[in-house]
Amino acid sequence: MAKVPRNFRLLEELEKGEKGIGDGTTSYGLADGDDLMMSNWNGTIIGPGHTVHENRIYSLKVTCGPDYPDRPPTVSFLSKVNLPSVNQKTGKVERLSCLDNWKRQYTIETVLAELRREMANPANKKLSQPAEGTLF
């Protein structure tokens, strides 16, 4: 199977993100439309229902380095959140299965969806959270 070049892959992700394909619980797009390398992205996660995250909107920063999609993106929460996988000083996502075991077919959407599942995990869904609207 042919290896899709980085920018073609990111263009596909951008198109999917802009069209809002999916269930609407996560979204993503370029932070700057003039970013020709398509490196800097914004992500949003709507907190899952029946958890302390319900009705909260979390903002994230996603950076796709020059080796993406062969290497995972760097992901950080801008909105404060209390999750075991998130550094509580910086907001950087440090431990997440899909990032730790990255596969080329994974996407920005894969990461956001897994973070949302992490919020709904029984071990995490009742963790006390910082005040809504606070930032790292």
N, C-alpha and C. Protein backbone atom coordinates (compact mmCIF):
# COMPACT_ATOMS: atom_id res chain seq x y z
N MET A 1 0.84 -1.18 0.00
CA MET A 1 0.00 0.00 0.00
C MET A 1 0.89 1.25 0.00
N ALA A 2 0.55 2.23 -0.82
CA ALA A 2 1.33 3.46 -0.93
C ALA A 2 1.21 4.29 0.34
N LYS A 3 2.31 4.94 0.69
CA LYS A 3 2.35 5.78 1.88
C LYS A 3 1.90 7.19 1.49
N VAL A 4 0.81 7.67 2.10
CA VAL A 4 0.27 8.99 1.79
C VAL A 4 1.20 10.04 2.39
N PRO A 5 1.65 11.03 1.60
CA PRO A 5 2.52 12.08 2.13
C PRO A 5 1.84 12.87 3.26
N ARG A 6 2.65 13.42 4.15
CA ARG A 6 2.18 14.14 5.34
C ARG A 6 1.13 15.20 5.01
N ASN A 7 1.42 16.09 4.06
CA ASN A 7 0.49 17.18 3.79
C ASN A 7 -0.82 16.69 3.19
N PHE A 8 -0.80 15.66 2.36
CA PHE A 8 -2.05 15.11 1.83
C PHE A 8 -2.88 14.54 2.97
N ARG A 9 -2.22 13.83 3.87
CA ARG A 9 -2.90 13.24 5.02
C ARG A 9 -3.54 14.35 5.87
N LEU A 10 -2.78 15.42 6.14
CA LEU A 10 -3.30 16.50 6.96
C LEU A 10 -4.43 17.25 6.25
N LEU A 11 -4.35 17.36 4.93
CA LEU A 11 -5.46 17.97 4.18
C LEU A 11 -6.74 17.14 4.32
N GLU A 12 -6.60 15.82 4.30
CA GLU A 12 -7.76 14.94 4.50
C GLU A 12 -8.34 15.16 5.90
N GLU A 13 -7.47 15.25 6.90
CA GLU A 13 -7.94 15.46 8.27
C GLU A 13 -8.61 16.83 8.40
N LEU A 14 -8.05 17.84 7.75
CA LEU A 14 -8.62 19.18 7.80
C LEU A 14 -10.02 19.19 7.20
N GLU A 15 -10.15 18.55 6.04
CA GLU A 15 -11.45 18.49 5.38
C GLU A 15 -12.48 17.79 6.26
N LYS A 16 -12.09 16.67 6.87
CA LYS A 16 -13.00 15.94 7.74
C LYS A 16 -13.36 16.78 8.97
N GLY A 17 -12.37 17.44 9.54
CA GLY A 17 -12.60 18.28 10.72
C GLY A 17 -13.51 19.45 10.42
N GLU A 18 -13.33 20.08 9.26
CA GLU A 18 -14.15 21.24 8.89
C GLU A 18 -15.58 20.85 8.57
N LYS A 19 -15.78 19.65 8.03
CA LYS A 19 -17.13 19.20 7.70
C LYS A 19 -17.88 18.71 8.93
N GLY A 20 -17.15 18.54 10.04
CA GLY A 20 -17.81 18.10 11.26
C GLY A 20 -18.30 16.67 11.17
N ILE A 21 -17.61 15.84 10.41
CA ILE A 21 -17.99 14.44 10.28
C ILE A 21 -17.76 13.76 11.63
N GLY A 22 -18.71 13.01 12.08
CA GLY A 22 -18.61 12.35 13.38
C GLY A 22 -19.84 12.66 14.21
N ASP A 23 -19.76 12.39 15.50
CA ASP A 23 -20.95 12.56 16.35
C ASP A 23 -21.03 13.95 16.99
N GLY A 24 -20.11 14.85 16.68
CA GLY A 24 -20.18 16.21 17.18
C GLY A 24 -19.61 16.39 18.58
N THR A 25 -19.06 15.34 19.18
CA THR A 25 -18.52 15.47 20.53
C THR A 25 -17.07 15.93 20.54
N THR A 26 -16.43 15.86 19.37
CA THR A 26 -15.08 16.40 19.22
C THR A 26 -15.02 17.17 17.91
N SER A 27 -14.14 18.17 17.87
CA SER A 27 -13.92 18.89 16.63
C SER A 27 -12.47 19.37 16.61
N TYR A 28 -12.00 19.71 15.42
CA TYR A 28 -10.61 20.14 15.28
C TYR A 28 -10.45 20.89 13.97
N GLY A 29 -9.45 21.75 13.92
CA GLY A 29 -9.14 22.51 12.72
C GLY A 29 -7.82 23.23 12.91
N LEU A 30 -7.32 23.82 11.84
CA LEU A 30 -6.05 24.54 11.91
C LEU A 30 -6.18 25.76 12.81
N ALA A 31 -5.15 26.01 13.61
CA ALA A 31 -5.13 27.19 14.48
C ALA A 31 -4.97 28.44 13.64
N ASP A 32 -4.26 28.32 12.51
CA ASP A 32 -3.99 29.45 11.63
C ASP A 32 -4.13 28.97 10.19
N GLY A 33 -5.09 29.52 9.48
CA GLY A 33 -5.34 29.11 8.10
C GLY A 33 -4.16 29.35 7.17
N ASP A 34 -3.21 30.19 7.59
CA ASP A 34 -2.03 30.47 6.77
C ASP A 34 -0.86 29.54 7.09
N ASP A 35 -1.06 28.59 7.99
CA ASP A 35 -0.02 27.63 8.38
C ASP A 35 0.14 26.60 7.26
N LEU A 36 1.05 26.89 6.34
CA LEU A 36 1.22 26.02 5.17
C LEU A 36 1.71 24.62 5.53
N MET A 37 2.40 24.48 6.65
CA MET A 37 2.88 23.16 7.07
C MET A 37 1.80 22.39 7.84
N MET A 38 0.68 23.06 8.13
CA MET A 38 -0.44 22.43 8.84
C MET A 38 0.03 21.76 10.14
N SER A 39 0.83 22.47 10.91
CA SER A 39 1.40 21.92 12.13
C SER A 39 0.57 22.19 13.37
N ASN A 40 -0.04 23.36 13.46
CA ASN A 40 -0.71 23.79 14.69
C ASN A 40 -2.23 23.74 14.54
N TRP A 41 -2.85 22.95 15.41
CA TRP A 41 -4.28 22.69 15.35
C TRP A 41 -4.94 23.04 16.68
N ASN A 42 -6.21 23.36 16.61
CA ASN A 42 -7.06 23.51 17.79
C ASN A 42 -7.99 22.31 17.84
N GLY A 43 -8.24 21.83 19.04
CA GLY A 43 -9.19 20.74 19.21
C GLY A 43 -10.19 21.11 20.29
N THR A 44 -11.36 20.52 20.21
CA THR A 44 -12.41 20.74 21.21
C THR A 44 -13.03 19.40 21.56
N ILE A 45 -13.26 19.20 22.85
CA ILE A 45 -13.95 18.01 23.33
C ILE A 45 -15.13 18.48 24.18
N ILE A 46 -16.31 17.95 23.88
CA ILE A 46 -17.48 18.20 24.73
C ILE A 46 -17.54 17.06 25.73
N GLY A 47 -17.53 17.42 27.00
CA GLY A 47 -17.50 16.41 28.07
C GLY A 47 -18.64 15.41 27.97
N PRO A 48 -18.34 14.15 28.23
CA PRO A 48 -19.37 13.10 28.14
C PRO A 48 -20.43 13.24 29.22
N GLY A 49 -21.66 12.84 28.88
CA GLY A 49 -22.77 12.89 29.80
C GLY A 49 -22.59 11.95 30.98
N HIS A 50 -23.29 12.23 32.06
CA HIS A 50 -23.28 11.41 33.26
C HIS A 50 -21.90 11.33 33.89
N THR A 51 -21.09 12.40 33.71
CA THR A 51 -19.77 12.50 34.34
C THR A 51 -19.63 13.93 34.86
N VAL A 52 -18.56 14.17 35.62
CA VAL A 52 -18.31 15.55 36.08
C VAL A 52 -17.96 16.47 34.91
N HIS A 53 -17.71 15.89 33.75
CA HIS A 53 -17.34 16.65 32.56
C HIS A 53 -18.56 17.07 31.73
N GLU A 54 -19.73 16.58 32.09
CA GLU A 54 -20.93 16.83 31.29
C GLU A 54 -21.14 18.33 31.08
N ASN A 55 -21.44 18.68 29.82
CA ASN A 55 -21.71 20.05 29.39
C ASN A 55 -20.50 20.98 29.46
N ARG A 56 -19.33 20.46 29.75
CA ARG A 56 -18.12 21.28 29.72
C ARG A 56 -17.50 21.20 28.33
N ILE A 57 -16.89 22.30 27.92
CA ILE A 57 -16.21 22.34 26.64
C ILE A 57 -14.72 22.52 26.92
N TYR A 58 -13.93 21.57 26.46
CA TYR A 58 -12.49 21.58 26.69
C TYR A 58 -11.76 21.96 25.41
N SER A 59 -10.83 22.91 25.52
CA SER A 59 -10.02 23.34 24.38
C SER A 59 -8.63 22.72 24.50
N LEU A 60 -8.11 22.30 23.35
CA LEU A 60 -6.80 21.67 23.30
C LEU A 60 -5.97 22.26 22.18
N LYS A 61 -4.66 22.08 22.31
CA LYS A 61 -3.71 22.45 21.27
C LYS A 61 -3.06 21.16 20.79
N VAL A 62 -3.03 20.98 19.48
CA VAL A 62 -2.45 19.77 18.88
C VAL A 62 -1.36 20.23 17.92
N THR A 63 -0.16 19.66 18.06
CA THR A 63 0.95 20.01 17.18
C THR A 63 1.39 18.77 16.42
N CYS A 64 1.30 18.84 15.10
CA CYS A 64 1.73 17.74 14.23
C CYS A 64 3.12 18.09 13.72
N GLY A 65 4.11 17.39 14.23
CA GLY A 65 5.49 17.66 13.85
C GLY A 65 5.79 17.19 12.43
N PRO A 66 7.03 17.40 11.99
CA PRO A 66 7.41 17.05 10.61
C PRO A 66 7.32 15.56 10.31
N ASP A 67 7.35 14.71 11.34
CA ASP A 67 7.28 13.26 11.14
C ASP A 67 5.87 12.70 11.25
N TYR A 68 4.87 13.57 11.48
CA TYR A 68 3.47 13.12 11.53
C TYR A 68 3.06 12.68 10.13
N PRO A 69 2.35 11.62 9.92
CA PRO A 69 1.69 10.73 10.87
C PRO A 69 2.51 9.51 11.30
N ASP A 70 3.81 9.50 10.96
CA ASP A 70 4.63 8.38 11.42
C ASP A 70 4.90 8.46 12.92
N ARG A 71 4.88 9.66 13.45
CA ARG A 71 5.02 9.91 14.89
C ARG A 71 3.77 10.62 15.39
N PRO A 72 3.39 10.40 16.64
CA PRO A 72 2.15 11.02 17.14
C PRO A 72 2.29 12.53 17.29
N PRO A 73 1.15 13.22 17.30
CA PRO A 73 1.18 14.66 17.57
C PRO A 73 1.42 14.89 19.06
N THR A 74 1.78 16.13 19.39
CA THR A 74 1.86 16.55 20.78
C THR A 74 0.51 17.19 21.10
N VAL A 75 -0.09 16.79 22.22
CA VAL A 75 -1.42 17.25 22.58
C VAL A 75 -1.39 17.85 23.98
N SER A 76 -1.96 19.05 24.12
CA SER A 76 -2.06 19.71 25.42
C SER A 76 -3.44 20.31 25.59
N PHE A 77 -3.96 20.18 26.80
CA PHE A 77 -5.20 20.86 27.14
C PHE A 77 -4.89 22.32 27.41
N LEU A 78 -5.70 23.22 26.89
CA LEU A 78 -5.65 24.63 27.25
C LEU A 78 -6.58 24.84 28.45
N SER A 79 -7.72 24.15 28.42
CA SER A 79 -8.67 24.18 29.53
C SER A 79 -8.14 23.26 30.63
N LYS A 80 -8.22 23.73 31.87
CA LYS A 80 -7.78 22.87 32.98
C LYS A 80 -8.69 21.67 33.11
N VAL A 81 -8.09 20.51 33.32
CA VAL A 81 -8.83 19.26 33.49
C VAL A 81 -8.01 18.37 34.41
N ASN A 82 -8.68 17.62 35.25
CA ASN A 82 -8.02 16.68 36.14
C ASN A 82 -8.22 15.27 35.59
N LEU A 83 -7.19 14.78 34.90
CA LEU A 83 -7.17 13.41 34.39
C LEU A 83 -5.77 12.84 34.64
N PRO A 84 -5.66 11.55 34.95
CA PRO A 84 -4.34 10.96 35.22
C PRO A 84 -3.36 11.10 34.04
N SER A 85 -3.87 11.16 32.84
CA SER A 85 -3.00 11.21 31.66
C SER A 85 -2.49 12.62 31.35
N VAL A 86 -2.96 13.63 32.11
CA VAL A 86 -2.64 15.03 31.81
C VAL A 86 -1.73 15.61 32.90
N ASN A 87 -0.61 16.21 32.46
CA ASN A 87 0.29 16.90 33.40
C ASN A 87 -0.46 18.07 34.01
N GLN A 88 -0.58 18.10 35.32
CA GLN A 88 -1.40 19.12 35.99
C GLN A 88 -0.74 20.49 36.05
N LYS A 89 0.54 20.58 35.67
CA LYS A 89 1.20 21.89 35.62
C LYS A 89 1.14 22.51 34.22
N THR A 90 1.24 21.64 33.19
CA THR A 90 1.36 22.15 31.82
C THR A 90 0.15 21.88 30.94
N GLY A 91 -0.66 20.88 31.30
CA GLY A 91 -1.78 20.48 30.46
C GLY A 91 -1.42 19.47 29.39
N LYS A 92 -0.14 19.13 29.28
CA LYS A 92 0.29 18.19 28.24
C LYS A 92 -0.23 16.78 28.54
N VAL A 93 -0.75 16.13 27.49
CA VAL A 93 -1.19 14.74 27.60
C VAL A 93 0.07 13.88 27.56
N GLU A 94 0.34 13.19 28.67
CA GLU A 94 1.60 12.45 28.78
C GLU A 94 1.44 10.94 28.66
N ARG A 95 0.27 10.43 28.99
CA ARG A 95 0.04 8.99 28.91
C ARG A 95 -1.34 8.76 28.32
N LEU A 96 -1.36 8.22 27.13
CA LEU A 96 -2.62 7.88 26.48
C LEU A 96 -2.31 6.73 25.54
N SER A 97 -3.11 5.69 25.60
CA SER A 97 -2.83 4.48 24.85
C SER A 97 -2.53 4.74 23.38
N CYS A 98 -3.38 5.54 22.72
CA CYS A 98 -3.18 5.74 21.28
C CYS A 98 -1.91 6.54 20.97
N LEU A 99 -1.47 7.40 21.89
CA LEU A 99 -0.22 8.13 21.68
C LEU A 99 0.99 7.26 22.00
N ASP A 100 0.86 6.47 23.09
CA ASP A 100 1.96 5.59 23.50
C ASP A 100 2.19 4.46 22.51
N ASN A 101 1.12 4.01 21.85
CA ASN A 101 1.19 2.90 20.88
C ASN A 101 0.75 3.39 19.51
N TRP A 102 1.32 4.49 19.07
CA TRP A 102 0.90 5.19 17.86
C TRP A 102 1.01 4.31 16.62
N LYS A 103 -0.03 4.38 15.79
CA LYS A 103 -0.04 3.71 14.48
C LYS A 103 -0.30 4.78 13.43
N ARG A 104 0.28 4.62 12.28
CA ARG A 104 0.17 5.62 11.22
C ARG A 104 -1.27 5.95 10.84
N GLN A 105 -2.16 4.98 10.97
CA GLN A 105 -3.55 5.23 10.56
C GLN A 105 -4.34 6.05 11.59
N TYR A 106 -3.77 6.25 12.79
CA TYR A 106 -4.44 7.09 13.79
C TYR A 106 -4.44 8.54 13.32
N THR A 107 -5.40 9.29 13.81
CA THR A 107 -5.58 10.69 13.39
C THR A 107 -5.76 11.58 14.62
N ILE A 108 -5.85 12.87 14.38
CA ILE A 108 -6.17 13.82 15.45
C ILE A 108 -7.50 13.42 16.08
N GLU A 109 -8.44 13.04 15.27
CA GLU A 109 -9.75 12.62 15.77
C GLU A 109 -9.63 11.41 16.69
N THR A 110 -8.75 10.46 16.36
CA THR A 110 -8.51 9.28 17.20
C THR A 110 -8.10 9.72 18.61
N VAL A 111 -7.18 10.68 18.67
CA VAL A 111 -6.66 11.14 19.95
C VAL A 111 -7.76 11.83 20.76
N LEU A 112 -8.51 12.74 20.12
CA LEU A 112 -9.58 13.46 20.82
C LEU A 112 -10.65 12.50 21.33
N ALA A 113 -11.01 11.52 20.50
CA ALA A 113 -12.03 10.54 20.90
C ALA A 113 -11.54 9.70 22.08
N GLU A 114 -10.26 9.33 22.07
CA GLU A 114 -9.74 8.53 23.18
C GLU A 114 -9.69 9.36 24.47
N LEU A 115 -9.34 10.63 24.37
CA LEU A 115 -9.36 11.50 25.55
C LEU A 115 -10.78 11.61 26.12
N ARG A 116 -11.76 11.70 25.24
CA ARG A 116 -13.15 11.78 25.69
C ARG A 116 -13.56 10.47 26.39
N ARG A 117 -13.13 9.34 25.83
CA ARG A 117 -13.41 8.04 26.47
C ARG A 117 -12.73 7.98 27.85
N GLU A 118 -11.54 8.55 27.95
CA GLU A 118 -10.81 8.60 29.22
C GLU A 118 -11.60 9.38 30.27
N MET A 119 -12.27 10.45 29.83
CA MET A 119 -13.10 11.24 30.74
C MET A 119 -14.27 10.40 31.28
N ALA A 120 -14.80 9.52 30.43
CA ALA A 120 -15.96 8.71 30.80
C ALA A 120 -15.58 7.43 31.54
N ASN A 121 -14.30 7.12 31.61
CA ASN A 121 -13.82 5.93 32.29
C ASN A 121 -14.30 5.96 33.74
N PRO A 122 -14.85 4.85 34.26
CA PRO A 122 -15.36 4.83 35.63
C PRO A 122 -14.37 5.36 36.67
N ALA A 123 -13.08 5.15 36.45
CA ALA A 123 -12.06 5.63 37.40
C ALA A 123 -11.91 7.15 37.36
N ASN A 124 -12.34 7.78 36.26
CA ASN A 124 -12.11 9.22 36.07
C ASN A 124 -13.36 10.07 36.05
N LYS A 125 -14.52 9.45 35.86
CA LYS A 125 -15.71 10.25 35.58
C LYS A 125 -16.23 11.05 36.77
N LYS A 126 -15.71 10.75 37.97
CA LYS A 126 -16.15 11.50 39.15
C LYS A 126 -15.02 12.28 39.80
N LEU A 127 -13.85 12.33 39.17
CA LEU A 127 -12.72 13.08 39.73
C LEU A 127 -13.10 14.55 39.86
N SER A 128 -12.74 15.17 40.98
CA SER A 128 -13.05 16.59 41.12
C SER A 128 -12.28 17.36 40.06
N GLN A 129 -12.91 18.41 39.53
CA GLN A 129 -12.36 19.17 38.42
C GLN A 129 -12.14 20.63 38.82
N PRO A 130 -11.18 21.28 38.17
CA PRO A 130 -10.98 22.71 38.41
C PRO A 130 -12.23 23.48 37.97
N ALA A 131 -12.35 24.70 38.42
CA ALA A 131 -13.49 25.53 38.04
C ALA A 131 -13.56 25.62 36.53
N GLU A 132 -14.78 25.57 36.01
CA GLU A 132 -14.99 25.65 34.57
C GLU A 132 -14.45 26.98 34.06
N GLY A 133 -13.77 26.93 32.91
CA GLY A 133 -13.24 28.13 32.29
C GLY A 133 -11.82 28.47 32.70
N THR A 134 -11.23 27.71 33.65
CA THR A 134 -9.84 27.98 34.03
C THR A 134 -8.90 27.36 33.01
N LEU A 135 -7.74 27.99 32.83
CA LEU A 135 -6.80 27.57 31.79
C LEU A 135 -5.44 27.20 32.39
N PHE A 136 -4.72 26.35 31.65
CA PHE A 136 -3.33 26.01 32.04
C PHE A 136 -2.44 27.18 31.69
